[in-house]
Amino acid sequence: MTGKVIGIDAGNTRTGGGLTYLSEMIKAAEPERFGINSVVIWGNAAALAEMPERSWLRLRHEKAHDELYLSGFVWQRRKLAAAARREGCNLMFFPGSTYLGNFRPYVAVSQNMLPFSPAEWTRFGVSWTRLRIKLLRLVQARTFRRADGMIFLTQWARLGIESYLHTHYRRVKIVPHGISERFRHSEIQQRPAAAFTAASPFRWLYVSIVAPYKHQWNVARAAAGLRRAGVPVSVDFVGPAYAPSLARLENTLREVDPSGEFLRYRGPVSYHTLHTHYHGANAFIFASSCENMPNILIEAMSAGLPIACSRMGPMPEVLGDGGLYFNPENVDEIAAVMYRLLRDHDLRARCVSRAGQRAAQYSWKRCAAETFEFLASTEQLKNRR
């Protein structure tokens, strides 16, 4: 393939992990290696501002993407195909996982397991959020069924979605996300349990959105039980919040630690400063029960932290033997794993070493190369039919 053009619609990648994925991948990309001489990205002003300057990159500001998601969806459905043909696109790529238009060929990437996990989205009760997740399921299911190629972030996600959709993809690639180098931190010497006191506790960190399937309140209760038993631990919760879940977490914090002595919700922080929170902690805990690929987990793995982790979803696939596991809905199990890591500094050191070795495979350069290689090969295959 020579001189091909790849189009990317960034209408659904406005903030958060989706935008980080696209911007970091584009920064690391070398599409010329795969016969691609131009990449065109449609997006809103804020998303395009995160993109780097590259000779092969063309940015197209679409005002519909600056407005409500519905406006962007209508533009994508009715006008994107014509815009892509004007730009000479040979293939479209949808990192936001949704496309109902008529341009072919296209590749989609699955980044969210929640729409395909009914047991998890029912945790939202009767709410607009639950309805939105169900609508996403319908749109993404159609997008995935019609795609000429699919990218999944983990084998867990691939098998789960193929099972849910009763399909088996012939053109499929597992391409995990990368990790920014600023998260990487050299292994530090693990201090023995006796070095920690009530005044200088063993500091746990939990970074994630506060949501029904993240179970922050169970982590808070586990830590509170350890403190009642005289174990010197504290937990910082960092991340944005779904309002009903934040209320549940705050009620739990007031109940088990009314003075805020050892449990603190820090709120959302900038992605550009997030690494400082990892580097200031003694250990990391991740209690999610629904993930596609847990970027936060690989950030902690790279940061050299001992990790207590949910055993659900793709977490064992990602972390392997680099941490200890628990059932995120069992407070006693969570507490037992937290206590075990605190008490055994040699175990902590082994886990950090193994997690660091696994984290080394996650790079944006690798992610970009494997993604663009797959896009190029999918376009070539389509042209042979």
Protein backbone atom coordinates (compact mmCIF):
# COMPACT_ATOMS: atom_id res chain seq x y z
CA MET A 1 0.00 0.00 0.00
CA THR A 2 1.44 3.44 -0.92
CA GLY A 3 0.27 6.94 -0.14
CA LYS A 4 -2.86 5.98 1.74
CA VAL A 5 -4.98 8.30 3.90
CA ILE A 6 -6.51 7.22 7.22
CA GLY A 7 -9.36 9.20 8.73
CA ILE A 8 -10.11 9.33 12.45
CA ASP A 9 -13.32 10.66 13.97
CA ALA A 10 -12.61 12.00 17.47
CA GLY A 11 -16.12 13.21 18.13
CA ASN A 12 -16.62 10.76 21.02
CA THR A 13 -13.11 11.25 22.47
CA ARG A 14 -13.55 14.64 24.06
CA THR A 15 -12.03 14.16 27.51
CA GLY A 16 -10.56 11.60 29.88
CA GLY A 17 -9.06 8.27 28.93
CA GLY A 18 -10.35 8.30 25.36
CA LEU A 19 -8.64 11.58 24.59
CA THR A 20 -5.46 10.48 26.34
CA TYR A 21 -5.44 7.30 24.24
CA LEU A 22 -5.77 9.16 20.96
CA SER A 23 -3.37 12.01 21.71
CA GLU A 24 -0.62 9.77 23.13
CA MET A 25 -0.94 7.31 20.25
CA ILE A 26 -0.74 10.08 17.64
CA LYS A 27 2.32 11.57 19.36
CA ALA A 28 4.09 8.20 19.14
CA ALA A 29 2.88 7.24 15.65
CA GLU A 30 5.01 6.73 12.55
CA PRO A 31 2.33 5.92 9.96
CA GLU A 32 4.77 6.28 7.05
CA ARG A 33 6.28 2.94 8.09
CA PHE A 34 3.05 1.28 6.96
CA GLY A 35 2.52 3.15 3.69
CA ILE A 36 0.23 5.80 5.20
CA ASN A 37 1.16 9.32 4.12
CA SER A 38 -1.69 11.25 5.77
CA VAL A 39 -3.93 11.00 8.83
CA VAL A 40 -6.99 13.24 9.08
CA ILE A 41 -8.69 13.82 12.46
CA TRP A 42 -12.11 15.39 12.89
CA GLY A 43 -12.85 16.67 16.40
CA ASN A 44 -13.80 19.55 18.63
CA ALA A 45 -11.45 22.42 19.40
CA ALA A 46 -10.37 21.09 22.81
CA ALA A 47 -9.54 17.61 21.49
CA LEU A 48 -7.61 18.92 18.50
CA ALA A 49 -5.59 21.19 20.80
CA GLU A 50 -4.16 18.04 22.40
CA MET A 51 -2.82 16.72 19.11
CA PRO A 52 0.84 17.22 18.16
CA GLU A 53 2.11 18.95 15.04
CA ARG A 54 3.14 16.36 12.47
CA SER A 55 3.81 16.75 8.75
CA TRP A 56 1.47 13.86 7.99
CA LEU A 57 -1.36 15.00 10.30
CA ARG A 58 -4.33 17.08 9.14
CA LEU A 59 -6.70 18.42 11.80
CA ARG A 60 -10.28 19.28 10.90
CA HIS A 61 -12.30 21.26 13.42
CA GLU A 62 -15.94 20.19 13.26
CA LYS A 63 -18.27 22.61 15.09
CA ALA A 64 -20.89 19.88 15.63
CA HIS A 65 -18.40 18.17 17.95
CA ASP A 66 -18.17 21.34 20.07
CA GLU A 67 -21.86 21.06 20.89
CA LEU A 68 -23.94 18.32 22.49
CA TYR A 69 -23.04 14.71 21.74
CA LEU A 70 -26.26 14.40 19.73
CA SER A 71 -25.09 17.10 17.29
CA GLY A 72 -21.81 15.28 16.75
CA PHE A 73 -23.63 11.98 16.33
CA VAL A 74 -25.92 13.44 13.66
CA TRP A 75 -22.94 14.97 11.82
CA GLN A 76 -21.07 11.67 11.95
CA ARG A 77 -24.11 9.76 10.68
CA ARG A 78 -25.00 12.13 7.83
CA LYS A 79 -21.88 14.05 6.78
CA LEU A 80 -18.71 12.25 7.83
CA ALA A 81 -18.65 9.87 4.86
CA ALA A 82 -18.71 12.74 2.37
CA ALA A 83 -16.06 14.65 4.34
CA ALA A 84 -13.84 11.56 4.42
CA ARG A 85 -14.15 11.08 0.65
CA ARG A 86 -13.23 14.71 0.04
CA GLU A 87 -10.07 14.17 2.08
CA GLY A 88 -9.26 11.04 0.06
CA CYS A 89 -9.57 8.68 3.03
CA ASN A 90 -9.06 5.02 2.24
CA LEU A 91 -10.19 3.80 5.67
CA MET A 92 -11.82 5.32 8.77
CA PHE A 93 -10.87 4.59 12.36
CA PHE A 94 -13.28 5.09 15.27
CA PRO A 95 -11.55 5.17 18.68
CA GLY A 96 -14.85 6.29 20.22
CA SER A 97 -16.48 2.94 19.35
CA THR A 98 -19.56 4.34 17.60
CA TYR A 99 -20.38 4.74 13.91
CA LEU A 100 -23.66 4.27 12.06
CA GLY A 101 -22.72 5.91 8.76
CA ASN A 102 -22.08 4.35 5.35
CA PHE A 103 -18.34 4.87 4.81
CA ARG A 104 -16.39 1.65 4.21
CA PRO A 105 -14.01 0.22 5.18
CA TYR A 106 -13.67 1.15 8.85
CA VAL A 107 -12.04 -0.16 12.00
CA ALA A 108 -13.47 0.36 15.50
CA VAL A 109 -11.84 -0.03 18.88
CA SER A 110 -13.66 -1.30 21.96
CA GLN A 111 -12.79 0.75 25.03
CA ASN A 112 -15.75 0.29 27.36
CA MET A 113 -17.07 -3.01 28.75
CA LEU A 114 -19.86 -1.43 30.76
CA PRO A 115 -22.45 -1.47 27.94
CA PHE A 116 -21.86 -5.22 27.52
CA SER A 117 -21.98 -6.06 31.24
CA PRO A 118 -25.66 -6.02 32.33
CA ALA A 119 -24.85 -7.09 35.88
CA GLU A 120 -22.68 -3.98 36.20
CA TRP A 121 -24.89 -1.35 34.60
CA THR A 122 -27.86 -2.49 36.68
CA ARG A 123 -25.91 -1.10 39.67
CA PHE A 124 -26.94 2.36 38.43
CA GLY A 125 -30.59 1.64 39.28
CA VAL A 126 -33.35 3.52 37.49
CA SER A 127 -31.43 6.49 36.14
CA TRP A 128 -30.54 8.46 33.04
CA THR A 129 -27.02 7.01 33.26
CA ARG A 130 -28.35 3.47 33.02
CA LEU A 131 -30.48 4.41 30.01
CA ARG A 132 -27.47 6.05 28.35
CA ILE A 133 -25.39 2.90 28.88
CA LYS A 134 -28.13 0.77 27.30
CA LEU A 135 -28.28 3.14 24.31
CA LEU A 136 -24.50 2.89 23.99
CA ARG A 137 -24.84 -0.88 23.95
CA LEU A 138 -27.21 -0.71 20.97
CA VAL A 139 -25.04 1.73 19.01
CA GLN A 140 -21.74 0.04 19.78
CA ALA A 141 -23.12 -3.42 19.05
CA ARG A 142 -24.17 -2.30 15.58
CA THR A 143 -20.86 -0.51 15.05
CA PHE A 144 -18.88 -3.61 16.01
CA ARG A 145 -20.98 -6.00 13.94
CA ARG A 146 -20.48 -3.93 10.78
CA ALA A 147 -16.78 -3.16 11.26
CA ASP A 148 -14.22 -4.42 8.76
CA GLY A 149 -11.74 -4.83 11.60
CA MET A 150 -11.85 -4.67 15.41
CA ILE A 151 -9.23 -3.64 17.94
CA PHE A 152 -9.60 -4.82 21.53
CA LEU A 153 -7.44 -3.76 24.44
CA THR A 154 -7.43 -7.12 26.22
CA GLN A 155 -8.26 -10.72 25.40
CA TRP A 156 -10.85 -10.56 28.20
CA ALA A 157 -12.69 -7.78 26.36
CA ARG A 158 -12.53 -9.58 23.03
CA LEU A 159 -13.97 -12.83 24.39
CA GLY A 160 -16.62 -11.01 26.42
CA ILE A 161 -17.91 -8.91 23.54
CA GLU A 162 -17.74 -11.72 20.99
CA SER A 163 -19.77 -13.84 23.39
CA TYR A 164 -22.29 -11.07 24.00
CA LEU A 165 -22.71 -10.36 20.27
CA HIS A 166 -22.63 -14.07 19.28
CA THR A 167 -19.97 -13.37 16.70
CA HIS A 168 -16.34 -14.18 15.98
CA TYR A 169 -14.17 -11.57 14.30
CA ARG A 170 -11.82 -12.63 11.51
CA ARG A 171 -10.03 -9.28 11.38
CA VAL A 172 -9.13 -8.60 14.98
CA LYS A 173 -6.12 -7.36 16.94
CA ILE A 174 -5.38 -7.08 20.65
CA VAL A 175 -3.60 -3.74 21.14
CA PRO A 176 -3.24 -2.60 24.76
CA HIS A 177 -2.80 1.02 25.69
CA GLY A 178 0.57 2.48 26.53
CA ILE A 179 1.79 4.29 29.60
CA SER A 180 3.39 7.72 29.81
CA GLU A 181 7.02 7.68 30.91
CA ARG A 182 6.34 10.16 33.71
CA PHE A 183 4.44 7.47 35.60
CA ARG A 184 7.43 5.15 35.60
CA HIS A 185 9.26 5.17 38.90
CA SER A 186 12.24 3.14 40.02
CA GLU A 187 11.65 0.52 42.66
CA ILE A 188 12.05 1.91 46.15
CA GLN A 189 13.18 -0.03 49.16
CA GLN A 190 10.19 -1.47 50.97
CA ARG A 191 10.13 -0.55 54.64
CA PRO A 192 9.11 -3.12 57.25
CA ALA A 193 5.68 -2.88 58.88
CA ALA A 194 7.22 -1.58 62.13
CA ALA A 195 8.24 1.60 60.33
CA PHE A 196 4.62 2.72 60.02
CA THR A 197 2.66 4.32 62.86
CA ALA A 198 -0.70 5.99 63.38
CA ALA A 199 1.03 9.34 62.91
CA SER A 200 2.91 8.09 59.83
CA PRO A 201 0.63 5.40 58.35
CA PHE A 202 1.04 3.08 55.40
CA ARG A 203 -0.51 5.23 52.64
CA TRP A 204 -2.84 3.49 50.20
CA LEU A 205 -3.95 5.22 47.00
CA TYR A 206 -7.06 4.48 44.94
CA VAL A 207 -7.30 6.40 41.65
CA SER A 208 -10.55 6.01 39.72
CA ILE A 209 -13.89 7.58 39.04
CA VAL A 210 -16.24 7.11 41.99
CA ALA A 211 -18.93 4.91 40.46
CA PRO A 212 -21.12 1.94 41.48
CA TYR A 213 -18.74 -0.66 40.04
CA LYS A 214 -15.60 0.84 41.61
CA HIS A 215 -16.55 -0.06 45.22
CA GLN A 216 -14.64 2.73 46.99
CA TRP A 217 -16.91 2.42 50.02
CA ASN A 218 -15.85 -1.20 50.50
CA VAL A 219 -12.21 -0.13 50.49
CA ALA A 220 -13.04 2.55 53.05
CA ARG A 221 -14.74 0.03 55.33
CA ALA A 222 -11.82 -2.38 54.97
CA ALA A 223 -9.34 0.33 55.96
CA ALA A 224 -11.55 1.39 58.87
CA GLY A 225 -11.61 -2.19 60.15
CA LEU A 226 -7.83 -2.34 60.03
CA ARG A 227 -7.54 0.94 61.95
CA ARG A 228 -9.87 -0.36 64.65
CA ALA A 229 -7.53 -3.35 64.96
CA GLY A 230 -4.57 -1.02 65.45
CA VAL A 231 -3.14 -1.33 61.93
CA PRO A 232 -1.73 2.05 60.77
CA VAL A 233 -3.20 2.59 57.29
CA SER A 234 -4.68 5.51 55.40
CA VAL A 235 -6.39 5.75 52.01
CA ASP A 236 -6.55 8.63 49.55
CA PHE A 237 -9.33 8.40 46.96
CA VAL A 238 -8.56 10.39 43.80
CA GLY A 239 -10.77 10.89 40.77
CA PRO A 240 -13.97 12.43 39.42
CA ALA A 241 -17.32 11.17 40.59
CA TYR A 242 -20.77 10.02 39.56
CA ALA A 243 -22.91 12.06 41.94
CA PRO A 244 -24.98 9.29 43.60
CA SER A 245 -21.84 7.20 44.16
CA LEU A 246 -19.97 10.17 45.60
CA ALA A 247 -22.81 10.67 48.08
CA ARG A 248 -22.53 7.00 49.07
CA LEU A 249 -18.77 7.30 49.52
CA GLU A 250 -19.02 10.51 51.54
CA ASN A 251 -21.67 8.97 53.79
CA THR A 252 -19.37 6.00 54.37
CA LEU A 253 -16.41 8.25 55.16
CA ARG A 254 -18.47 10.24 57.67
CA GLU A 255 -19.63 7.01 59.28
CA VAL A 256 -16.28 5.23 59.65
CA ASP A 257 -13.90 8.21 59.90
CA PRO A 258 -15.89 11.31 60.86
CA SER A 259 -12.77 13.35 61.63
CA GLY A 260 -11.11 12.57 58.31
CA GLU A 261 -8.09 11.19 60.09
CA PHE A 262 -7.18 8.40 57.67
CA LEU A 263 -9.70 8.40 54.80
CA ARG A 264 -9.79 11.30 52.33
CA TYR A 265 -11.51 11.93 49.04
CA ARG A 266 -9.22 14.26 47.07
CA GLY A 267 -11.50 14.81 44.08
CA PRO A 268 -10.40 14.89 40.44
CA VAL A 269 -6.85 15.91 39.56
CA SER A 270 -5.23 16.85 36.28
CA TYR A 271 -3.90 13.94 34.26
CA HIS A 272 -0.70 15.93 33.82
CA THR A 273 -0.03 15.92 37.58
CA LEU A 274 -1.54 12.54 38.41
CA HIS A 275 1.84 10.80 38.56
CA THR A 276 2.79 12.80 41.66
CA HIS A 277 0.01 11.08 43.61
CA TYR A 278 1.33 7.64 42.67
CA HIS A 279 4.85 8.61 43.63
CA GLY A 280 3.71 9.83 47.04
CA ALA A 281 1.92 6.59 48.04
CA ASN A 282 3.17 3.40 49.69
CA ALA A 283 0.75 1.06 47.89
CA PHE A 284 -2.10 1.04 45.42
CA ILE A 285 -5.54 -0.53 45.57
CA PHE A 286 -7.92 -1.13 42.67
CA ALA A 287 -11.38 -2.48 43.46
CA SER A 288 -13.19 -2.24 40.13
CA SER A 289 -15.49 -5.02 38.97
CA CYS A 290 -15.84 -3.86 35.34
CA GLU A 291 -12.99 -2.85 33.03
CA ASN A 292 -11.99 -3.16 29.39
CA MET A 293 -8.35 -2.39 30.03
CA PRO A 294 -7.53 -0.77 33.39
CA ASN A 295 -5.16 2.08 32.43
CA ILE A 296 -5.04 3.13 36.06
CA LEU A 297 -3.74 -0.28 37.02
CA ILE A 298 -0.84 -0.13 34.58
CA GLU A 299 -0.04 3.38 35.82
CA ALA A 300 0.33 1.96 39.33
CA MET A 301 2.36 -0.98 38.01
CA SER A 302 4.73 1.46 36.31
CA ALA A 303 4.95 3.65 39.40
CA GLY A 304 6.60 0.91 41.46
CA LEU A 305 3.75 0.42 43.93
CA PRO A 306 2.69 -2.82 45.64
CA ILE A 307 -0.83 -3.53 44.42
CA ALA A 308 -3.96 -5.00 45.97
CA CYS A 309 -6.37 -5.67 43.12
CA SER A 310 -9.83 -6.89 42.22
CA ARG A 311 -9.72 -10.36 40.71
CA MET A 312 -12.65 -9.57 38.39
CA GLY A 313 -12.54 -8.70 34.69
CA PRO A 314 -9.21 -8.38 32.87
CA MET A 315 -7.21 -7.43 35.96
CA PRO A 316 -5.40 -10.82 36.32
CA GLU A 317 -4.61 -10.73 32.59
CA VAL A 318 -2.91 -7.35 33.03
CA LEU A 319 -1.32 -7.63 36.49
CA GLY A 320 -0.47 -11.34 36.45
CA ASP A 321 1.60 -12.31 39.51
CA GLY A 322 2.48 -8.68 40.18
CA GLY A 323 -0.03 -8.19 43.01
CA LEU A 324 -2.52 -9.77 45.40
CA TYR A 325 -6.19 -10.23 44.54
CA PHE A 326 -9.53 -9.91 46.31
CA ASN A 327 -13.27 -9.93 45.68
CA PRO A 328 -14.15 -6.19 45.51
CA GLU A 329 -17.55 -6.83 47.08
CA ASN A 330 -16.09 -8.58 50.14
CA VAL A 331 -14.84 -6.10 52.75
CA ASP A 332 -13.10 -8.76 54.81
CA GLU A 333 -11.17 -10.04 51.77
CA ILE A 334 -10.08 -6.52 50.88
CA ALA A 335 -8.87 -5.92 54.45
CA ALA A 336 -7.00 -9.23 54.55
CA VAL A 337 -5.07 -8.43 51.36
CA MET A 338 -4.28 -4.90 52.53
CA TYR A 339 -2.99 -6.27 55.82
CA ARG A 340 -0.90 -8.97 54.16
CA LEU A 341 0.90 -6.49 51.93
CA LEU A 342 1.54 -4.14 54.83
CA ARG A 343 2.94 -6.89 57.08
CA ASP A 344 5.29 -8.48 54.51
CA HIS A 345 7.78 -6.04 52.99
CA ASP A 346 9.56 -8.84 51.11
CA LEU A 347 6.28 -9.77 49.44
CA ARG A 348 5.77 -6.13 48.53
CA ALA A 349 9.19 -5.99 46.90
CA ARG A 350 8.53 -9.15 44.86
CA CYS A 351 5.18 -7.84 43.66
CA VAL A 352 6.67 -4.48 42.66
CA SER A 353 9.45 -6.19 40.68
CA ARG A 354 7.04 -8.50 38.83
CA ALA A 355 4.53 -5.73 38.13
CA GLY A 356 7.30 -3.48 36.83
CA GLN A 357 8.46 -6.16 34.42
CA ARG A 358 4.93 -6.58 33.08
CA ALA A 359 4.41 -2.81 32.85
CA ALA A 360 7.46 -2.46 30.62
CA GLN A 361 5.52 -3.99 27.72
CA TYR A 362 2.95 -1.18 27.74
CA SER A 363 4.26 1.67 25.60
CA TRP A 364 2.52 4.20 23.37
CA LYS A 365 5.11 3.55 20.66
CA ARG A 366 4.11 -0.11 20.58
CA CYS A 367 0.40 0.79 20.71
CA ALA A 368 0.76 3.23 17.80
CA ALA A 369 2.82 0.85 15.66
CA GLU A 370 0.47 -2.11 16.13
CA THR A 371 -2.61 0.06 15.55
CA PHE A 372 -1.42 1.64 12.30
CA GLU A 373 -0.07 -1.67 11.05
CA PHE A 374 -3.52 -3.18 11.59
CA LEU A 375 -5.27 -0.24 9.92
CA ALA A 376 -2.99 -0.52 6.89
CA SER A 377 -3.44 -4.28 6.56
CA THR A 378 -7.23 -3.98 6.90
CA GLU A 379 -7.35 -1.43 4.08
CA GLN A 380 -5.20 -3.66 1.88
CA LEU A 381 -7.39 -6.68 2.54
CA LYS A 382 -10.55 -4.73 1.71
CA ASN A 383 -9.11 -3.63 -1.61
CA ARG A 384 -8.41 -7.24 -2.65
CA ARG A 385 -12.05 -8.27 -2.34
